[in-house]
Amino acid sequence: MDLLFEYRTFLLAGLVETLKMALVVALGGTLCAILLTAGITARSRLLSRPSYALVELLRDLPLMVTVLLVYFMLPMTGIGLNPFWSCCLAISVWGGANGAQILRAGLASVGKGQRETAAAFGFGPVRTLLLVTLPQAMPVIIPPYVGLLTALVQATSLGAVVGAQELLRTGQVLIEQTTIMRGGSPAYLVYGSILVVYFTLCTLISLIGGRIERHFLRPWSAADEARVETQAREIETAIAVRT
């Protein structure tokens, strides 16, 4: 523990970089997921088919390969990104492709009759999506999407492969320098501490996701209870009339 305290500033800098990367990939992955979902659910085949092919291509590529492709291939096209942004871009597009299928499946779980009823009341497509379809789909979307977000946060550790100075990379540098200068490897201590940090981050995401899920489930649970109570009263009334 003395070693961690001695190099706390160095490790905290890596932690801050990891938190920044986690925030960027969460927002970037969500944005990519929304755009790709709009593409694969479009009525035009000229848009839906290329979008679907892109989603499947990104999902089938290993994330490590995606990170290396973005880092080494983009400079060949004249786009120069530092390790931080190249890693964020790779993880975001990979997460967006997987998130798109989660969003598509969640929206498809809402019955077609709901959209037809909204249209009958004069709701436009955007209003129907935001006020009718999406709230009902959220309980289906949130659990797998929270799992995806935790995977994206864990994937930020791949930044160490391309030289991003995130938490895992700073831990590796600390282990190497300590082993060379002092002898004996503090790998168990450093990697164990990194494990605790990632576990804490992912646990917080899961807890927040659970609260959001319960928020969207509550109105529908109350509606179901009210409907059951109404049906029970109608049955009781019918029995009383017959007797």
C-alpha atoms as a PDB file:
ATOM      1  CA  MET A   1       0.000   0.000   0.000  1.00  0.00           C
ATOM      2  CA  ASP A   2       2.928   2.347   0.602  1.00  0.00           C
ATOM      3  CA  LEU A   3       3.835   2.005  -3.065  1.00  0.00           C
ATOM      4  CA  LEU A   4       0.339   3.092  -4.157  1.00  0.00           C
ATOM      5  CA  PHE A   5       0.450   6.071  -1.820  1.00  0.00           C
ATOM      6  CA  GLU A   6       3.897   7.055  -3.024  1.00  0.00           C
ATOM      7  CA  TYR A   7       2.799   7.082  -6.662  1.00  0.00           C
ATOM      8  CA  ARG A   8      -0.755   8.280  -6.004  1.00  0.00           C
ATOM      9  CA  THR A   9      -0.425  11.306  -8.274  1.00  0.00           C
ATOM     10  CA  PHE A  10       0.745   9.158 -11.176  1.00  0.00           C
ATOM     11  CA  LEU A  11      -2.026   6.613 -10.662  1.00  0.00           C
ATOM     12  CA  LEU A  12      -4.702   9.279 -10.177  1.00  0.00           C
ATOM     13  CA  ALA A  13      -3.728  10.796 -13.526  1.00  0.00           C
ATOM     14  CA  GLY A  14      -4.342   7.385 -15.114  1.00  0.00           C
ATOM     15  CA  LEU A  15      -7.668   7.070 -13.283  1.00  0.00           C
ATOM     16  CA  VAL A  16      -8.815  10.477 -14.539  1.00  0.00           C
ATOM     17  CA  GLU A  17      -7.881   9.455 -18.084  1.00  0.00           C
ATOM     18  CA  THR A  18      -9.880   6.241 -17.679  1.00  0.00           C
ATOM     19  CA  LEU A  19     -12.918   8.147 -16.387  1.00  0.00           C
ATOM     20  CA  LYS A  20     -12.722  10.576 -19.306  1.00  0.00           C
ATOM     21  CA  MET A  21     -12.436   7.695 -21.753  1.00  0.00           C
ATOM     22  CA  ALA A  22     -15.367   5.864 -20.105  1.00  0.00           C
ATOM     23  CA  LEU A  23     -17.560   8.970 -20.410  1.00  0.00           C
ATOM     24  CA  VAL A  24     -16.601   9.501 -24.053  1.00  0.00           C
ATOM     25  CA  VAL A  25     -17.241   5.882 -25.092  1.00  0.00           C
ATOM     26  CA  ALA A  26     -20.565   5.772 -23.210  1.00  0.00           C
ATOM     27  CA  LEU A  27     -21.829   8.917 -24.942  1.00  0.00           C
ATOM     28  CA  GLY A  28     -20.222   8.103 -28.292  1.00  0.00           C
ATOM     29  CA  GLY A  29     -21.457   4.516 -28.256  1.00  0.00           C
ATOM     30  CA  THR A  30     -24.992   5.657 -27.436  1.00  0.00           C
ATOM     31  CA  LEU A  31     -24.950   8.225 -30.230  1.00  0.00           C
ATOM     32  CA  CYS A  32     -23.671   5.629 -32.718  1.00  0.00           C
ATOM     33  CA  ALA A  33     -26.323   3.171 -31.524  1.00  0.00           C
ATOM     34  CA  ILE A  34     -29.110   5.699 -32.107  1.00  0.00           C
ATOM     35  CA  LEU A  35     -27.864   6.573 -35.593  1.00  0.00           C
ATOM     36  CA  LEU A  36     -27.400   2.928 -36.593  1.00  0.00           C
ATOM     37  CA  THR A  37     -30.808   2.006 -35.181  1.00  0.00           C
ATOM     38  CA  ALA A  38     -32.388   4.737 -37.294  1.00  0.00           C
ATOM     39  CA  GLY A  39     -30.559   3.283 -40.292  1.00  0.00           C
ATOM     40  CA  ILE A  40     -31.475  -0.384 -39.841  1.00  0.00           C
ATOM     41  CA  THR A  41     -35.131   0.410 -39.060  1.00  0.00           C
ATOM     42  CA  ALA A  42     -35.537   2.809 -41.985  1.00  0.00           C
ATOM     43  CA  ARG A  43     -38.228   1.954 -44.527  1.00  0.00           C
ATOM     44  CA  SER A  44     -35.875   2.587 -47.434  1.00  0.00           C
ATOM     45  CA  ARG A  45     -33.826  -0.483 -48.327  1.00  0.00           C
ATOM     46  CA  LEU A  46     -31.121   1.790 -49.728  1.00  0.00           C
ATOM     47  CA  LEU A  47     -30.500   2.894 -46.141  1.00  0.00           C
ATOM     48  CA  SER A  48     -31.500  -0.122 -44.070  1.00  0.00           C
ATOM     49  CA  ARG A  49     -29.452  -2.755 -45.900  1.00  0.00           C
ATOM     50  CA  PRO A  50     -26.081  -0.906 -45.825  1.00  0.00           C
ATOM     51  CA  SER A  51     -26.747   0.023 -42.180  1.00  0.00           C
ATOM     52  CA  TYR A  52     -27.476  -3.596 -41.298  1.00  0.00           C
ATOM     53  CA  ALA A  53     -24.350  -4.778 -43.115  1.00  0.00           C
ATOM     54  CA  LEU A  54     -22.246  -2.205 -41.257  1.00  0.00           C
ATOM     55  CA  VAL A  55     -23.723  -3.246 -37.910  1.00  0.00           C
ATOM     56  CA  GLU A  56     -23.023  -6.924 -38.538  1.00  0.00           C
ATOM     57  CA  LEU A  57     -19.478  -6.186 -39.733  1.00  0.00           C
ATOM     58  CA  LEU A  58     -18.644  -4.173 -36.624  1.00  0.00           C
ATOM     59  CA  ARG A  59     -20.241  -6.746 -34.315  1.00  0.00           C
ATOM     60  CA  ASP A  60     -18.337  -9.626 -35.887  1.00  0.00           C
ATOM     61  CA  LEU A  61     -14.927  -7.950 -35.571  1.00  0.00           C
ATOM     62  CA  PRO A  62     -13.082  -8.555 -32.275  1.00  0.00           C
ATOM     63  CA  LEU A  63     -12.834  -5.339 -30.310  1.00  0.00           C
ATOM     64  CA  MET A  64      -9.041  -5.586 -30.120  1.00  0.00           C
ATOM     65  CA  VAL A  65      -8.862  -5.792 -33.917  1.00  0.00           C
ATOM     66  CA  THR A  66     -11.145  -2.760 -34.217  1.00  0.00           C
ATOM     67  CA  VAL A  67      -8.918  -0.736 -31.887  1.00  0.00           C
ATOM     68  CA  LEU A  68      -5.775  -1.663 -33.829  1.00  0.00           C
ATOM     69  CA  LEU A  69      -7.423  -0.994 -37.205  1.00  0.00           C
ATOM     70  CA  VAL A  70      -8.548   2.472 -36.185  1.00  0.00           C
ATOM     71  CA  TYR A  71      -5.191   3.332 -34.621  1.00  0.00           C
ATOM     72  CA  PHE A  72      -3.032   2.138 -37.530  1.00  0.00           C
ATOM     73  CA  MET A  73      -5.333   2.639 -40.551  1.00  0.00           C
ATOM     74  CA  LEU A  74      -6.719   6.126 -39.961  1.00  0.00           C
ATOM     75  CA  PRO A  75      -3.307   7.846 -40.319  1.00  0.00           C
ATOM     76  CA  MET A  76      -3.071   6.302 -43.796  1.00  0.00           C
ATOM     77  CA  THR A  77      -6.187   8.263 -44.778  1.00  0.00           C
ATOM     78  CA  GLY A  78      -4.748  11.519 -43.487  1.00  0.00           C
ATOM     79  CA  ILE A  79      -6.719  11.514 -40.231  1.00  0.00           C
ATOM     80  CA  GLY A  80      -4.344  11.654 -37.305  1.00  0.00           C
ATOM     81  CA  LEU A  81      -5.752  10.797 -33.885  1.00  0.00           C
ATOM     82  CA  ASN A  82      -3.826  10.402 -30.671  1.00  0.00           C
ATOM     83  CA  PRO A  83      -4.111   7.087 -28.767  1.00  0.00           C
ATOM     84  CA  PHE A  84      -6.875   8.416 -26.509  1.00  0.00           C
ATOM     85  CA  TRP A  85      -9.231   9.468 -29.309  1.00  0.00           C
ATOM     86  CA  SER A  86      -8.452   6.568 -31.621  1.00  0.00           C
ATOM     87  CA  CYS A  87      -9.290   4.129 -28.828  1.00  0.00           C
ATOM     88  CA  CYS A  88     -12.466   6.045 -27.944  1.00  0.00           C
ATOM     89  CA  LEU A  89     -13.567   6.031 -31.590  1.00  0.00           C
ATOM     90  CA  ALA A  90     -12.963   2.296 -31.995  1.00  0.00           C
ATOM     91  CA  ILE A  91     -14.799   1.360 -28.797  1.00  0.00           C
ATOM     92  CA  SER A  92     -17.664   3.762 -29.569  1.00  0.00           C
ATOM     93  CA  VAL A  93     -18.404   2.369 -33.039  1.00  0.00           C
ATOM     94  CA  TRP A  94     -18.112  -1.216 -31.774  1.00  0.00           C
ATOM     95  CA  GLY A  95     -20.420  -0.429 -28.862  1.00  0.00           C
ATOM     96  CA  GLY A  96     -22.784   1.459 -31.161  1.00  0.00           C
ATOM     97  CA  ALA A  97     -23.164  -1.558 -33.425  1.00  0.00           C
ATOM     98  CA  ASN A  98     -24.038  -3.812 -30.491  1.00  0.00           C
ATOM     99  CA  GLY A  99     -26.247  -1.159 -28.932  1.00  0.00           C
ATOM    100  CA  ALA A 100     -28.154  -0.725 -32.191  1.00  0.00           C
ATOM    101  CA  GLN A 101     -29.384  -4.306 -32.050  1.00  0.00           C
ATOM    102  CA  ILE A 102     -30.428  -3.839 -28.421  1.00  0.00           C
ATOM    103  CA  LEU A 103     -32.409  -0.707 -29.287  1.00  0.00           C
ATOM    104  CA  ARG A 104     -33.960  -2.339 -32.357  1.00  0.00           C
ATOM    105  CA  ALA A 105     -35.090  -5.375 -30.371  1.00  0.00           C
ATOM    106  CA  GLY A 106     -36.473  -3.201 -27.592  1.00  0.00           C
ATOM    107  CA  LEU A 107     -38.492  -1.039 -29.962  1.00  0.00           C
ATOM    108  CA  ALA A 108     -39.753  -4.135 -31.787  1.00  0.00           C
ATOM    109  CA  SER A 109     -41.048  -5.550 -28.482  1.00  0.00           C
ATOM    110  CA  VAL A 110     -43.760  -2.869 -28.404  1.00  0.00           C
ATOM    111  CA  GLY A 111     -46.834  -4.049 -30.264  1.00  0.00           C
ATOM    112  CA  LYS A 112     -47.748  -2.519 -33.609  1.00  0.00           C
ATOM    113  CA  GLY A 113     -51.167  -1.689 -32.216  1.00  0.00           C
ATOM    114  CA  GLN A 114     -49.608   0.872 -29.888  1.00  0.00           C
ATOM    115  CA  ARG A 115     -48.204   2.832 -32.820  1.00  0.00           C
ATOM    116  CA  GLU A 116     -51.457   2.516 -34.759  1.00  0.00           C
ATOM    117  CA  THR A 117     -53.420   3.847 -31.793  1.00  0.00           C
ATOM    118  CA  ALA A 118     -51.028   6.780 -31.428  1.00  0.00           C
ATOM    119  CA  ALA A 119     -51.390   7.541 -35.138  1.00  0.00           C
ATOM    120  CA  ALA A 120     -55.176   7.449 -34.770  1.00  0.00           C
ATOM    121  CA  PHE A 121     -54.893  10.158 -32.101  1.00  0.00           C
ATOM    122  CA  GLY A 122     -52.861  12.315 -34.483  1.00  0.00           C
ATOM    123  CA  PHE A 123     -49.384  11.584 -33.115  1.00  0.00           C
ATOM    124  CA  GLY A 124     -46.549  12.035 -35.598  1.00  0.00           C
ATOM    125  CA  PRO A 125     -43.716   9.464 -35.923  1.00  0.00           C
ATOM    126  CA  VAL A 126     -41.334  11.358 -33.616  1.00  0.00           C
ATOM    127  CA  ARG A 127     -43.985  12.027 -30.994  1.00  0.00           C
ATOM    128  CA  THR A 128     -45.107   8.401 -31.133  1.00  0.00           C
ATOM    129  CA  LEU A 129     -41.526   7.221 -30.637  1.00  0.00           C
ATOM    130  CA  LEU A 130     -40.783   9.528 -27.706  1.00  0.00           C
ATOM    131  CA  LEU A 131     -44.126   9.344 -25.880  1.00  0.00           C
ATOM    132  CA  VAL A 132     -45.491   5.893 -26.698  1.00  0.00           C
ATOM    133  CA  THR A 133     -42.950   3.403 -28.047  1.00  0.00           C
ATOM    134  CA  LEU A 134     -39.769   4.334 -26.192  1.00  0.00           C
ATOM    135  CA  PRO A 135     -41.199   4.495 -22.640  1.00  0.00           C
ATOM    136  CA  GLN A 136     -42.689   1.007 -23.073  1.00  0.00           C
ATOM    137  CA  ALA A 137     -39.496  -0.343 -24.618  1.00  0.00           C
ATOM    138  CA  MET A 138     -37.165   1.010 -21.925  1.00  0.00           C
ATOM    139  CA  PRO A 139     -37.674  -1.880 -19.453  1.00  0.00           C
ATOM    140  CA  VAL A 140     -36.617  -4.240 -22.259  1.00  0.00           C
ATOM    141  CA  ILE A 141     -33.717  -2.071 -23.428  1.00  0.00           C
ATOM    142  CA  ILE A 142     -32.121  -1.042 -20.144  1.00  0.00           C
ATOM    143  CA  PRO A 143     -30.847  -4.390 -18.705  1.00  0.00           C
ATOM    144  CA  PRO A 144     -28.843  -5.479 -21.791  1.00  0.00           C
ATOM    145  CA  TYR A 145     -27.759  -1.908 -22.505  1.00  0.00           C
ATOM    146  CA  VAL A 146     -26.390  -1.501 -18.989  1.00  0.00           C
ATOM    147  CA  GLY A 147     -24.430  -4.705 -19.562  1.00  0.00           C
ATOM    148  CA  LEU A 148     -23.077  -3.195 -22.776  1.00  0.00           C
ATOM    149  CA  LEU A 149     -22.039   0.004 -20.982  1.00  0.00           C
ATOM    150  CA  THR A 150     -20.116  -1.958 -18.367  1.00  0.00           C
ATOM    151  CA  ALA A 151     -18.377  -3.855 -21.189  1.00  0.00           C
ATOM    152  CA  LEU A 152     -17.440  -0.540 -22.829  1.00  0.00           C
ATOM    153  CA  VAL A 153     -15.992   0.777 -19.566  1.00  0.00           C
ATOM    154  CA  GLN A 154     -13.941  -2.389 -19.189  1.00  0.00           C
ATOM    155  CA  ALA A 155     -12.839  -2.070 -22.817  1.00  0.00           C
ATOM    156  CA  THR A 156     -11.153   1.266 -22.061  1.00  0.00           C
ATOM    157  CA  SER A 157      -8.294  -0.831 -20.691  1.00  0.00           C
ATOM    158  CA  LEU A 158      -7.466  -1.662 -24.326  1.00  0.00           C
ATOM    159  CA  GLY A 159      -6.094   1.857 -24.550  1.00  0.00           C
ATOM    160  CA  ALA A 160      -2.945   0.443 -22.965  1.00  0.00           C
ATOM    161  CA  VAL A 161      -2.326  -1.529 -26.170  1.00  0.00           C
ATOM    162  CA  VAL A 162      -2.012   1.636 -28.283  1.00  0.00           C
ATOM    163  CA  GLY A 163      -0.289   3.747 -25.640  1.00  0.00           C
ATOM    164  CA  ALA A 164      -3.159   5.706 -24.088  1.00  0.00           C
ATOM    165  CA  GLN A 165      -2.129   6.758 -20.583  1.00  0.00           C
ATOM    166  CA  GLU A 166      -5.157   5.307 -18.842  1.00  0.00           C
ATOM    167  CA  LEU A 167      -5.222   3.427 -15.549  1.00  0.00           C
ATOM    168  CA  LEU A 168      -4.000   0.048 -16.803  1.00  0.00           C
ATOM    169  CA  ARG A 169      -1.131   1.618 -18.720  1.00  0.00           C
ATOM    170  CA  THR A 170       0.007   3.671 -15.733  1.00  0.00           C
ATOM    171  CA  GLY A 171      -0.152   0.518 -13.626  1.00  0.00           C
ATOM    172  CA  GLN A 172       2.015  -1.353 -16.118  1.00  0.00           C
ATOM    173  CA  VAL A 173       4.584   1.468 -16.144  1.00  0.00           C
ATOM    174  CA  LEU A 174       4.645   1.503 -12.336  1.00  0.00           C
ATOM    175  CA  ILE A 175       5.197  -2.253 -12.188  1.00  0.00           C
ATOM    176  CA  GLU A 176       8.023  -2.123 -14.727  1.00  0.00           C
ATOM    177  CA  GLN A 177       9.824   0.777 -13.053  1.00  0.00           C
ATOM    178  CA  THR A 178       9.438  -0.647  -9.561  1.00  0.00           C
ATOM    179  CA  THR A 179      10.694  -4.061 -10.663  1.00  0.00           C
ATOM    180  CA  ILE A 180      13.772  -2.558 -12.327  1.00  0.00           C
ATOM    181  CA  MET A 181      14.678  -0.064  -9.581  1.00  0.00           C
ATOM    182  CA  ARG A 182      13.757  -1.973  -6.414  1.00  0.00           C
ATOM    183  CA  GLY A 183      13.505  -5.598  -7.412  1.00  0.00           C
ATOM    184  CA  GLY A 184      10.438  -7.682  -6.784  1.00  0.00           C
ATOM    185  CA  SER A 185       7.254  -7.189  -8.755  1.00  0.00           C
ATOM    186  CA  PRO A 186       4.261  -5.367  -7.197  1.00  0.00           C
ATOM    187  CA  ALA A 187       1.967  -6.793  -9.892  1.00  0.00           C
ATOM    188  CA  TYR A 188      -0.497  -8.362  -7.441  1.00  0.00           C
ATOM    189  CA  LEU A 189      -0.923  -5.098  -5.555  1.00  0.00           C
ATOM    190  CA  VAL A 190      -1.210  -2.832  -8.595  1.00  0.00           C
ATOM    191  CA  TYR A 191      -3.424  -5.083 -10.711  1.00  0.00           C
ATOM    192  CA  GLY A 192      -5.577  -5.893  -7.692  1.00  0.00           C
ATOM    193  CA  SER A 193      -6.138  -2.187  -7.084  1.00  0.00           C
ATOM    194  CA  ILE A 194      -7.014  -1.667 -10.747  1.00  0.00           C
ATOM    195  CA  LEU A 195      -9.483  -4.547 -10.526  1.00  0.00           C
ATOM    196  CA  VAL A 196     -11.193  -2.868  -7.548  1.00  0.00           C
ATOM    197  CA  VAL A 197     -11.478   0.410  -9.485  1.00  0.00           C
ATOM    198  CA  TYR A 198     -13.115  -1.231 -12.515  1.00  0.00           C
ATOM    199  CA  PHE A 199     -15.380  -3.298 -10.280  1.00  0.00           C
ATOM    200  CA  THR A 200     -16.529  -0.142  -8.494  1.00  0.00           C
ATOM    201  CA  LEU A 201     -17.202   1.723 -11.740  1.00  0.00           C
ATOM    202  CA  CYS A 202     -19.202  -1.142 -13.242  1.00  0.00           C
ATOM    203  CA  THR A 203     -21.146  -1.635 -10.015  1.00  0.00           C
ATOM    204  CA  LEU A 204     -22.142   2.034  -9.980  1.00  0.00           C
ATOM    205  CA  ILE A 205     -23.320   1.777 -13.592  1.00  0.00           C
ATOM    206  CA  SER A 206     -25.375  -1.321 -12.753  1.00  0.00           C
ATOM    207  CA  LEU A 207     -26.966   0.379  -9.736  1.00  0.00           C
ATOM    208  CA  ILE A 208     -27.879   3.473 -11.748  1.00  0.00           C
ATOM    209  CA  GLY A 209     -29.262   1.291 -14.537  1.00  0.00           C
ATOM    210  CA  GLY A 210     -31.339  -0.658 -12.022  1.00  0.00           C
ATOM    211  CA  ARG A 211     -32.883   2.524 -10.652  1.00  0.00           C
ATOM    212  CA  ILE A 212     -33.713   3.778 -14.142  1.00  0.00           C
ATOM    213  CA  GLU A 213     -35.290   0.423 -14.992  1.00  0.00           C
ATOM    214  CA  ARG A 214     -37.467   0.528 -11.866  1.00  0.00           C
ATOM    215  CA  HIS A 215     -38.500   4.076 -12.748  1.00  0.00           C
ATOM    216  CA  PHE A 216     -39.870   2.945 -16.111  1.00  0.00           C
ATOM    217  CA  LEU A 217     -41.413  -0.212 -14.695  1.00  0.00           C
ATOM    218  CA  ARG A 218     -43.351   1.592 -11.954  1.00  0.00           C
ATOM    219  CA  PRO A 219     -46.041   3.260 -14.130  1.00  0.00           C
ATOM    220  CA  TRP A 220     -46.792   0.044 -15.988  1.00  0.00           C
ATOM    221  CA  SER A 221     -46.910  -1.961 -12.772  1.00  0.00           C
ATOM    222  CA  ALA A 222     -49.374   0.556 -11.297  1.00  0.00           C
ATOM    223  CA  ALA A 223     -51.492   0.411 -14.451  1.00  0.00           C
ATOM    224  CA  ASP A 224     -51.550  -3.386 -14.346  1.00  0.00           C
ATOM    225  CA  GLU A 225     -52.630  -3.361 -10.691  1.00  0.00           C
ATOM    226  CA  ALA A 226     -55.389  -0.842 -11.438  1.00  0.00           C
ATOM    227  CA  ARG A 227     -56.621  -2.934 -14.357  1.00  0.00           C
ATOM    228  CA  VAL A 228     -56.717  -6.090 -12.211  1.00  0.00           C
ATOM    229  CA  GLU A 229     -58.623  -4.265  -9.482  1.00  0.00           C
ATOM    230  CA  THR A 230     -61.124  -2.947 -12.025  1.00  0.00           C
ATOM    231  CA  GLN A 231     -61.670  -6.416 -13.454  1.00  0.00           C
ATOM    232  CA  ALA A 232     -62.123  -7.840  -9.951  1.00  0.00           C
ATOM    233  CA  ARG A 233     -64.769  -5.240  -9.134  1.00  0.00           C
ATOM    234  CA  GLU A 234     -66.590  -5.972 -12.414  1.00  0.00           C
ATOM    235  CA  ILE A 235     -66.619  -9.711 -11.607  1.00  0.00           C
ATOM    236  CA  GLU A 236     -67.904  -9.038  -8.109  1.00  0.00           C
ATOM    237  CA  THR A 237     -70.636  -6.783  -9.509  1.00  0.00           C
ATOM    238  CA  ALA A 238     -71.667  -9.416 -12.076  1.00  0.00           C
ATOM    239  CA  ILE A 239     -71.842 -12.109  -9.371  1.00  0.00           C
ATOM    240  CA  ALA A 240     -73.925  -9.829  -7.130  1.00  0.00           C
ATOM    241  CA  VAL A 241     -76.389  -9.082  -9.941  1.00  0.00           C
ATOM    242  CA  ARG A 242     -76.863 -12.762 -10.741  1.00  0.00           C
ATOM    243  CA  THR A 243     -77.484 -13.645  -7.120  1.00  0.00           C
END
